[in-house]
PDB file of N, CA and C in Angstrom:
ATOM      1  N   UNK A   1     -10.275 -16.654  -1.669  1.00  0.00           N
ATOM      2  CA  UNK A   1      -9.504 -16.882  -0.454  1.00  0.00           C
ATOM      3  C   UNK A   1      -9.736 -15.725   0.512  1.00  0.00           C
ATOM      4  N   UNK A   2     -10.067 -16.052   1.733  1.00  0.00           N
ATOM      5  CA  UNK A   2     -10.168 -15.006   2.734  1.00  0.00           C
ATOM      6  C   UNK A   2      -8.830 -14.920   3.441  1.00  0.00           C
ATOM      7  N   UNK A   3      -8.533 -13.744   3.948  1.00  0.00           N
ATOM      8  CA  UNK A   3      -7.268 -13.569   4.629  1.00  0.00           C
ATOM      9  C   UNK A   3      -6.871 -12.122   4.674  1.00  0.00           C
ATOM     10  N   UNK A   4      -5.715 -11.902   5.217  1.00  0.00           N
ATOM     11  CA  UNK A   4      -5.236 -10.545   5.403  1.00  0.00           C
ATOM     12  C   UNK A   4      -4.028 -10.304   4.509  1.00  0.00           C
ATOM     13  N   UNK A   5      -4.279 -10.329   3.217  1.00  0.00           N
ATOM     14  CA  UNK A   5      -3.216 -10.100   2.238  1.00  0.00           C
ATOM     15  C   UNK A   5      -3.196  -8.669   1.732  1.00  0.00           C
ATOM     16  N   UNK A   6      -4.238  -7.894   2.016  1.00  0.00           N
ATOM     17  CA  UNK A   6      -4.339  -6.523   1.520  1.00  0.00           C
ATOM     18  C   UNK A   6      -4.053  -5.547   2.645  1.00  0.00           C
ATOM     19  N   UNK A   7      -3.163  -4.591   2.374  1.00  0.00           N
ATOM     20  CA  UNK A   7      -2.829  -3.568   3.354  1.00  0.00           C
ATOM     21  C   UNK A   7      -3.307  -2.211   2.869  1.00  0.00           C
ATOM     22  N   UNK A   8      -3.856  -1.443   3.787  1.00  0.00           N
ATOM     23  CA  UNK A   8      -4.151  -0.032   3.562  1.00  0.00           C
ATOM     24  C   UNK A   8      -2.857   0.721   3.844  1.00  0.00           C
ATOM     25  N   UNK A   9      -2.479   1.613   2.946  1.00  0.00           N
ATOM     26  CA  UNK A   9      -1.271   2.422   3.134  1.00  0.00           C
ATOM     27  C   UNK A   9      -1.696   3.881   3.072  1.00  0.00           C
ATOM     28  N   UNK A  10      -1.600   4.581   4.199  1.00  0.00           N
ATOM     29  CA  UNK A  10      -2.028   5.969   4.277  1.00  0.00           C
ATOM     30  C   UNK A  10      -0.871   6.917   4.481  1.00  0.00           C
ATOM     31  N   UNK A  11      -1.155   8.188   4.308  1.00  0.00           N
ATOM     32  CA  UNK A  11      -0.136   9.214   4.495  1.00  0.00           C
ATOM     33  C   UNK A  11       0.854   9.293   3.356  1.00  0.00           C
ATOM     34  N   UNK A  12       0.425   8.884   2.169  1.00  0.00           N
ATOM     35  CA  UNK A  12       1.315   8.912   1.005  1.00  0.00           C
ATOM     36  C   UNK A  12       1.517  10.342   0.507  1.00  0.00           C
ATOM     37  N   UNK A  13       2.702  10.664   0.009  1.00  0.00           N
ATOM     38  CA  UNK A  13       2.901  11.967  -0.641  1.00  0.00           C
ATOM     39  C   UNK A  13       1.982  12.079  -1.854  1.00  0.00           C
ATOM     40  N   UNK A  14       1.537  13.264  -2.176  1.00  0.00           N
ATOM     41  CA  UNK A  14       0.606  13.473  -3.278  1.00  0.00           C
ATOM     42  C   UNK A  14       1.092  13.003  -4.630  1.00  0.00           C
ATOM     43  N   UNK A  15       2.405  12.971  -4.829  1.00  0.00           N
ATOM     44  CA  UNK A  15       2.942  12.559  -6.133  1.00  0.00           C
ATOM     45  C   UNK A  15       3.078  11.047  -6.284  1.00  0.00           C
ATOM     46  N   UNK A  16       2.739  10.275  -5.245  1.00  0.00           N
ATOM     47  CA  UNK A  16       2.853   8.818  -5.315  1.00  0.00           C
ATOM     48  C   UNK A  16       1.801   8.258  -6.258  1.00  0.00           C
ATOM     49  N   UNK A  17       2.250   7.464  -7.226  1.00  0.00           N
ATOM     50  CA  UNK A  17       1.331   6.781  -8.130  1.00  0.00           C
ATOM     51  C   UNK A  17       1.435   5.276  -7.877  1.00  0.00           C
ATOM     52  N   UNK A  18       0.686   4.481  -8.670  1.00  0.00           N
ATOM     53  CA  UNK A  18       0.679   3.031  -8.479  1.00  0.00           C
ATOM     54  C   UNK A  18       2.082   2.439  -8.585  1.00  0.00           C
ATOM     55  N   UNK A  19       2.848   2.889  -9.559  1.00  0.00           N
ATOM     56  CA  UNK A  19       4.190   2.351  -9.756  1.00  0.00           C
ATOM     57  C   UNK A  19       5.087   2.670  -8.564  1.00  0.00           C
ATOM     58  N   UNK A  20       5.049   3.899  -8.103  1.00  0.00           N
ATOM     59  CA  UNK A  20       5.893   4.287  -6.967  1.00  0.00           C
ATOM     60  C   UNK A  20       5.510   3.513  -5.709  1.00  0.00           C
ATOM     61  N   UNK A  21       4.210   3.336  -5.482  1.00  0.00           N
ATOM     62  CA  UNK A  21       3.780   2.575  -4.318  1.00  0.00           C
ATOM     63  C   UNK A  21       4.229   1.125  -4.435  1.00  0.00           C
ATOM     64  N   UNK A  22       4.062   0.537  -5.604  1.00  0.00           N
ATOM     65  CA  UNK A  22       4.521  -0.836  -5.828  1.00  0.00           C
ATOM     66  C   UNK A  22       6.016  -0.977  -5.659  1.00  0.00           C
ATOM     67  N   UNK A  23       6.764   0.010  -6.160  1.00  0.00           N
ATOM     68  CA  UNK A  23       8.221  -0.021  -6.013  1.00  0.00           C
ATOM     69  C   UNK A  23       8.620  -0.005  -4.539  1.00  0.00           C
ATOM     70  N   UNK A  24       7.862   0.696  -3.732  1.00  0.00           N
ATOM     71  CA  UNK A  24       8.146   0.761  -2.303  1.00  0.00           C
ATOM     72  C   UNK A  24       7.987  -0.573  -1.589  1.00  0.00           C
ATOM     73  N   UNK A  25       7.202  -1.462  -2.183  1.00  0.00           N
ATOM     74  CA  UNK A  25       6.967  -2.781  -1.598  1.00  0.00           C
ATOM     75  C   UNK A  25       7.556  -3.893  -2.474  1.00  0.00           C
ATOM     76  N   UNK A  26       8.556  -3.562  -3.267  1.00  0.00           N
ATOM     77  CA  UNK A  26       9.116  -4.520  -4.225  1.00  0.00           C
ATOM     78  C   UNK A  26       9.920  -5.649  -3.590  1.00  0.00           C
ATOM     79  N   UNK A  27      10.180  -5.584  -2.296  1.00  0.00           N
ATOM     80  CA  UNK A  27      10.889  -6.677  -1.624  1.00  0.00           C
ATOM     81  C   UNK A  27      10.000  -7.896  -1.415  1.00  0.00           C
ATOM     82  N   UNK A  28       8.686  -7.742  -1.667  1.00  0.00           N
ATOM     83  CA  UNK A  28       7.737  -8.827  -1.478  1.00  0.00           C
ATOM     84  C   UNK A  28       6.983  -9.068  -2.774  1.00  0.00           C
ATOM     85  N   UNK A  29       6.367 -10.239  -2.873  1.00  0.00           N
ATOM     86  CA  UNK A  29       5.570 -10.548  -4.056  1.00  0.00           C
ATOM     87  C   UNK A  29       4.188  -9.924  -3.900  1.00  0.00           C
ATOM     88  N   UNK A  30       3.902  -8.969  -4.780  1.00  0.00           N
ATOM     89  CA  UNK A  30       2.614  -8.284  -4.724  1.00  0.00           C
ATOM     90  C   UNK A  30       1.782  -8.650  -5.940  1.00  0.00           C
ATOM     91  N   UNK A  31       0.474  -8.659  -5.743  1.00  0.00           N
ATOM     92  CA  UNK A  31      -0.457  -8.970  -6.828  1.00  0.00           C
ATOM     93  C   UNK A  31      -1.114  -7.728  -7.412  1.00  0.00           C
ATOM     94  N   UNK A  32      -1.317  -6.715  -6.565  1.00  0.00           N
ATOM     95  CA  UNK A  32      -2.045  -5.537  -7.034  1.00  0.00           C
ATOM     96  C   UNK A  32      -1.667  -4.331  -6.179  1.00  0.00           C
ATOM     97  N   UNK A  33      -1.639  -3.173  -6.811  1.00  0.00           N
ATOM     98  CA  UNK A  33      -1.355  -1.905  -6.129  1.00  0.00           C
ATOM     99  C   UNK A  33      -2.321  -0.867  -6.674  1.00  0.00           C
ATOM    100  N   UNK A  34      -2.956  -0.135  -5.765  1.00  0.00           N
ATOM    101  CA  UNK A  34      -3.893   0.902  -6.188  1.00  0.00           C
ATOM    102  C   UNK A  34      -3.701   2.138  -5.311  1.00  0.00           C
ATOM    103  N   UNK A  35      -3.435   3.283  -5.939  1.00  0.00           N
ATOM    104  CA  UNK A  35      -3.475   4.569  -5.253  1.00  0.00           C
ATOM    105  C   UNK A  35      -4.848   5.151  -5.562  1.00  0.00           C
ATOM    106  N   UNK A  36      -5.537   5.641  -4.547  1.00  0.00           N
ATOM    107  CA  UNK A  36      -6.901   6.148  -4.703  1.00  0.00           C
ATOM    108  C   UNK A  36      -6.858   7.635  -5.046  1.00  0.00           C
ATOM    109  N   UNK A  37      -7.630   7.991  -6.096  1.00  0.00           N
ATOM    110  CA  UNK A  37      -7.697   9.375  -6.568  1.00  0.00           C
ATOM    111  C   UNK A  37      -9.091   9.931  -6.405  1.00  0.00           C
ATOM    112  N   UNK A  38      -9.192  11.235  -6.198  1.00  0.00           N
ATOM    113  CA  UNK A  38     -10.463  11.936  -6.152  1.00  0.00           C
ATOM    114  C   UNK A  38     -11.065  11.941  -7.560  1.00  0.00           C
ATOM    115  N   UNK A  39     -12.312  11.599  -7.675  1.00  0.00           N
ATOM    116  CA  UNK A  39     -12.960  11.517  -8.999  1.00  0.00           C
ATOM    117  C   UNK A  39     -13.058  12.863  -9.697  1.00  0.00           C
ATOM    118  N   UNK A  40     -13.288  13.917  -8.939  1.00  0.00           N
ATOM    119  CA  UNK A  40     -13.478  15.229  -9.539  1.00  0.00           C
ATOM    120  C   UNK A  40     -12.161  15.934  -9.851  1.00  0.00           C
ATOM    121  N   UNK A  41     -11.261  15.959  -8.890  1.00  0.00           N
ATOM    122  CA  UNK A  41     -10.007  16.695  -9.087  1.00  0.00           C
ATOM    123  C   UNK A  41      -8.901  15.847  -9.693  1.00  0.00           C
ATOM    124  N   UNK A  42      -9.069  14.534  -9.625  1.00  0.00           N
ATOM    125  CA  UNK A  42      -8.069  13.569 -10.107  1.00  0.00           C
ATOM    126  C   UNK A  42      -6.748  13.660  -9.345  1.00  0.00           C
ATOM    127  N   UNK A  43      -6.796  14.226  -8.174  1.00  0.00           N
ATOM    128  CA  UNK A  43      -5.622  14.273  -7.294  1.00  0.00           C
ATOM    129  C   UNK A  43      -5.632  13.059  -6.380  1.00  0.00           C
ATOM    130  N   UNK A  44      -4.438  12.656  -5.979  1.00  0.00           N
ATOM    131  CA  UNK A  44      -4.316  11.556  -5.033  1.00  0.00           C
ATOM    132  C   UNK A  44      -5.026  11.907  -3.736  1.00  0.00           C
ATOM    133  N   UNK A  45      -5.662  10.915  -3.150  1.00  0.00           N
ATOM    134  CA  UNK A  45      -6.274  11.098  -1.827  1.00  0.00           C
ATOM    135  C   UNK A  45      -5.279  10.689  -0.741  1.00  0.00           C
ATOM    136  N   UNK A  46      -4.038  10.468  -1.123  1.00  0.00           N
ATOM    137  CA  UNK A  46      -2.927  10.191  -0.223  1.00  0.00           C
ATOM    138  C   UNK A  46      -3.038   8.855   0.515  1.00  0.00           C
ATOM    139  N   UNK A  47      -3.740   7.905  -0.111  1.00  0.00           N
ATOM    140  CA  UNK A  47      -3.743   6.553   0.422  1.00  0.00           C
ATOM    141  C   UNK A  47      -3.945   5.569  -0.711  1.00  0.00           C
ATOM    142  N   UNK A  48      -3.657   4.318  -0.410  1.00  0.00           N
ATOM    143  CA  UNK A  48      -3.818   3.278  -1.405  1.00  0.00           C
ATOM    144  C   UNK A  48      -3.857   1.914  -0.742  1.00  0.00           C
ATOM    145  N   UNK A  49      -3.849   0.883  -1.577  1.00  0.00           N
ATOM    146  CA  UNK A  49      -3.913  -0.499  -1.110  1.00  0.00           C
ATOM    147  C   UNK A  49      -2.870  -1.318  -1.854  1.00  0.00           C
ATOM    148  N   UNK A  50      -2.252  -2.224  -1.124  1.00  0.00           N
ATOM    149  CA  UNK A  50      -1.301  -3.167  -1.714  1.00  0.00           C
ATOM    150  C   UNK A  50      -1.786  -4.566  -1.355  1.00  0.00           C
ATOM    151  N   UNK A  51      -1.974  -5.412  -2.367  1.00  0.00           N
ATOM    152  CA  UNK A  51      -2.380  -6.794  -2.150  1.00  0.00           C
ATOM    153  C   UNK A  51      -1.181  -7.687  -2.414  1.00  0.00           C
ATOM    154  N   UNK A  52      -0.871  -8.523  -1.446  1.00  0.00           N
ATOM    155  CA  UNK A  52       0.292  -9.403  -1.505  1.00  0.00           C
ATOM    156  C   UNK A  52      -0.112 -10.812  -1.913  1.00  0.00           C
ATOM    157  N   UNK A  53       0.887 -11.568  -2.341  1.00  0.00           N
ATOM    158  CA  UNK A  53       0.664 -12.948  -2.769  1.00  0.00           C
ATOM    159  C   UNK A  53       0.155 -13.799  -1.613  1.00  0.00           C
ATOM    160  N   UNK A  54       0.708 -13.582  -0.417  1.00  0.00           N
ATOM    161  CA  UNK A  54       0.261 -14.363   0.732  1.00  0.00           C
ATOM    162  C   UNK A  54       0.274 -13.519   2.003  1.00  0.00           C
ATOM    163  N   UNK A  55      -0.349 -14.056   3.026  1.00  0.00           N
ATOM    164  CA  UNK A  55      -0.495 -13.332   4.289  1.00  0.00           C
ATOM    165  C   UNK A  55       0.843 -13.050   4.956  1.00  0.00           C
ATOM    166  N   UNK A  56       1.800 -13.967   4.821  1.00  0.00           N
ATOM    167  CA  UNK A  56       3.100 -13.771   5.456  1.00  0.00           C
ATOM    168  C   UNK A  56       3.828 -12.570   4.851  1.00  0.00           C
ATOM    169  N   UNK A  57       3.778 -12.431   3.521  1.00  0.00           N
ATOM    170  CA  UNK A  57       4.392 -11.261   2.883  1.00  0.00           C
ATOM    171  C   UNK A  57       3.744  -9.971   3.379  1.00  0.00           C
ATOM    172  N   UNK A  58       2.419  -9.979   3.508  1.00  0.00           N
ATOM    173  CA  UNK A  58       1.712  -8.785   4.000  1.00  0.00           C
ATOM    174  C   UNK A  58       2.140  -8.459   5.428  1.00  0.00           C
ATOM    175  N   UNK A  59       2.239  -9.476   6.271  1.00  0.00           N
ATOM    176  CA  UNK A  59       2.646  -9.259   7.663  1.00  0.00           C
ATOM    177  C   UNK A  59       4.076  -8.738   7.743  1.00  0.00           C
ATOM    178  N   UNK A  60       4.973  -9.314   6.943  1.00  0.00           N
ATOM    179  CA  UNK A  60       6.368  -8.865   6.933  1.00  0.00           C
ATOM    180  C   UNK A  60       6.477  -7.426   6.445  1.00  0.00           C
ATOM    181  N   UNK A  61       5.747  -7.104   5.381  1.00  0.00           N
ATOM    182  CA  UNK A  61       5.786  -5.744   4.839  1.00  0.00           C
ATOM    183  C   UNK A  61       5.247  -4.742   5.844  1.00  0.00           C
ATOM    184  N   UNK A  62       4.157  -5.093   6.514  1.00  0.00           N
ATOM    185  CA  UNK A  62       3.583  -4.188   7.494  1.00  0.00           C
ATOM    186  C   UNK A  62       4.578  -3.924   8.620  1.00  0.00           C
ATOM    187  N   UNK A  63       5.259  -4.944   9.050  1.00  0.00           N
ATOM    188  CA  UNK A  63       6.232  -4.807  10.134  1.00  0.00           C
ATOM    189  C   UNK A  63       7.427  -3.951   9.705  1.00  0.00           C
ATOM    190  N   UNK A  64       7.929  -4.192   8.501  1.00  0.00           N
ATOM    191  CA  UNK A  64       9.144  -3.513   8.045  1.00  0.00           C
ATOM    192  C   UNK A  64       8.899  -2.129   7.455  1.00  0.00           C
ATOM    193  N   UNK A  65       7.721  -1.899   6.880  1.00  0.00           N
ATOM    194  CA  UNK A  65       7.473  -0.641   6.171  1.00  0.00           C
ATOM    195  C   UNK A  65       6.626   0.338   6.975  1.00  0.00           C
ATOM    196  N   UNK A  66       6.498   0.141   8.245  1.00  0.00           N
ATOM    197  CA  UNK A  66       5.672   1.013   9.074  1.00  0.00           C
ATOM    198  C   UNK A  66       6.181   2.438   9.157  1.00  0.00           C
ATOM    199  N   UNK A  67       7.376   2.708   8.625  1.00  0.00           N
ATOM    200  CA  UNK A  67       7.918   4.052   8.721  1.00  0.00           C
ATOM    201  C   UNK A  67       8.247   4.716   7.414  1.00  0.00           C
ATOM    202  N   UNK A  68       8.389   3.959   6.331  1.00  0.00           N
ATOM    203  CA  UNK A  68       8.891   4.603   5.131  1.00  0.00           C
ATOM    204  C   UNK A  68       8.470   3.855   3.868  1.00  0.00           C
ATOM    205  N   UNK A  69       8.203   4.599   2.797  1.00  0.00           N
ATOM    206  CA  UNK A  69       7.915   4.020   1.495  1.00  0.00           C
ATOM    207  C   UNK A  69       8.169   5.063   0.425  1.00  0.00           C
ATOM    208  N   UNK A  70       8.939   4.714  -0.562  1.00  0.00           N
ATOM    209  CA  UNK A  70       9.205   5.637  -1.655  1.00  0.00           C
ATOM    210  C   UNK A  70       9.902   6.888  -1.173  1.00  0.00           C
ATOM    211  N   UNK A  71       9.454   8.047  -1.653  1.00  0.00           N
ATOM    212  CA  UNK A  71      10.095   9.325  -1.315  1.00  0.00           C
ATOM    213  C   UNK A  71       9.678   9.869   0.047  1.00  0.00           C
ATOM    214  N   UNK A  72       8.522   9.450   0.544  1.00  0.00           N
ATOM    215  CA  UNK A  72       8.022  10.045   1.777  1.00  0.00           C
ATOM    216  C   UNK A  72       7.713   9.011   2.830  1.00  0.00           C
ATOM    217  N   UNK A  73       7.282   9.476   3.945  1.00  0.00           N
ATOM    218  CA  UNK A  73       6.945   8.600   5.062  1.00  0.00           C
ATOM    219  C   UNK A  73       5.535   8.041   4.898  1.00  0.00           C
ATOM    220  N   UNK A  74       5.382   6.796   5.275  1.00  0.00           N
ATOM    221  CA  UNK A  74       4.073   6.174   5.341  1.00  0.00           C
ATOM    222  C   UNK A  74       3.626   6.271   6.791  1.00  0.00           C
ATOM    223  N   UNK A  75       2.546   6.955   7.031  1.00  0.00           N
ATOM    224  CA  UNK A  75       2.103   7.162   8.410  1.00  0.00           C
ATOM    225  C   UNK A  75       1.244   6.025   8.933  1.00  0.00           C
ATOM    226  N   UNK A  76       0.525   5.370   8.051  1.00  0.00           N
ATOM    227  CA  UNK A  76      -0.414   4.331   8.481  1.00  0.00           C
ATOM    228  C   UNK A  76      -0.354   3.134   7.554  1.00  0.00           C
ATOM    229  N   UNK A  77      -0.166   1.969   8.135  1.00  0.00           N
ATOM    230  CA  UNK A  77      -0.321   0.731   7.377  1.00  0.00           C
ATOM    231  C   UNK A  77      -1.204  -0.165   8.222  1.00  0.00           C
ATOM    232  N   UNK A  78      -2.342  -0.556   7.668  1.00  0.00           N
ATOM    233  CA  UNK A  78      -3.311  -1.374   8.394  1.00  0.00           C
ATOM    234  C   UNK A  78      -3.612  -2.623   7.608  1.00  0.00           C
ATOM    235  N   UNK A  79      -3.911  -3.665   8.315  1.00  0.00           N
ATOM    236  CA  UNK A  79      -4.361  -4.890   7.697  1.00  0.00           C
ATOM    237  C   UNK A  79      -5.774  -5.192   8.194  1.00  0.00           C
ATOM    238  N   UNK A  80      -6.268  -6.333   7.830  1.00  0.00           N
ATOM    239  CA  UNK A  80      -7.598  -6.711   8.285  1.00  0.00           C
ATOM    240  C   UNK A  80      -8.644  -6.566   7.212  1.00  0.00           C
ATOM    241  N   UNK A  81      -8.206  -6.288   5.999  1.00  0.00           N
ATOM    242  CA  UNK A  81      -9.133  -6.155   4.880  1.00  0.00           C
ATOM    243  C   UNK A  81      -9.384  -7.554   4.336  1.00  0.00           C
ATOM    244  N   UNK A  82     -10.588  -8.017   4.405  1.00  0.00           N
ATOM    245  CA  UNK A  82     -10.918  -9.372   3.959  1.00  0.00           C
ATOM    246  C   UNK A  82     -11.147  -9.412   2.464  1.00  0.00           C
ATOM    247  N   UNK A  83     -10.773 -10.518   1.854  1.00  0.00           N
ATOM    248  CA  UNK A  83     -10.976 -10.732   0.408  1.00  0.00           C
ATOM    249  C   UNK A  83     -12.201 -11.554   0.180  1.00  0.00           C
TER     250      UNK A  83
END
């Protein structure tokens, strides 16, 4: 399925893991959550991706979560990632 169900989430606090990021978007049905880590240092690169069940959930989450997620502020939420 092509569509805009995956959101880029940037500006995450360094301690954010997959569970914390998923918990931040728990008001919607999500299929996958990934926080990206540096291969060498194994530290968070302070961004991740959340894939939603449908495009409407992704759009609603982007609109509502543009300012906050988990313990820290989310500075960037982008869509447009094709599947």
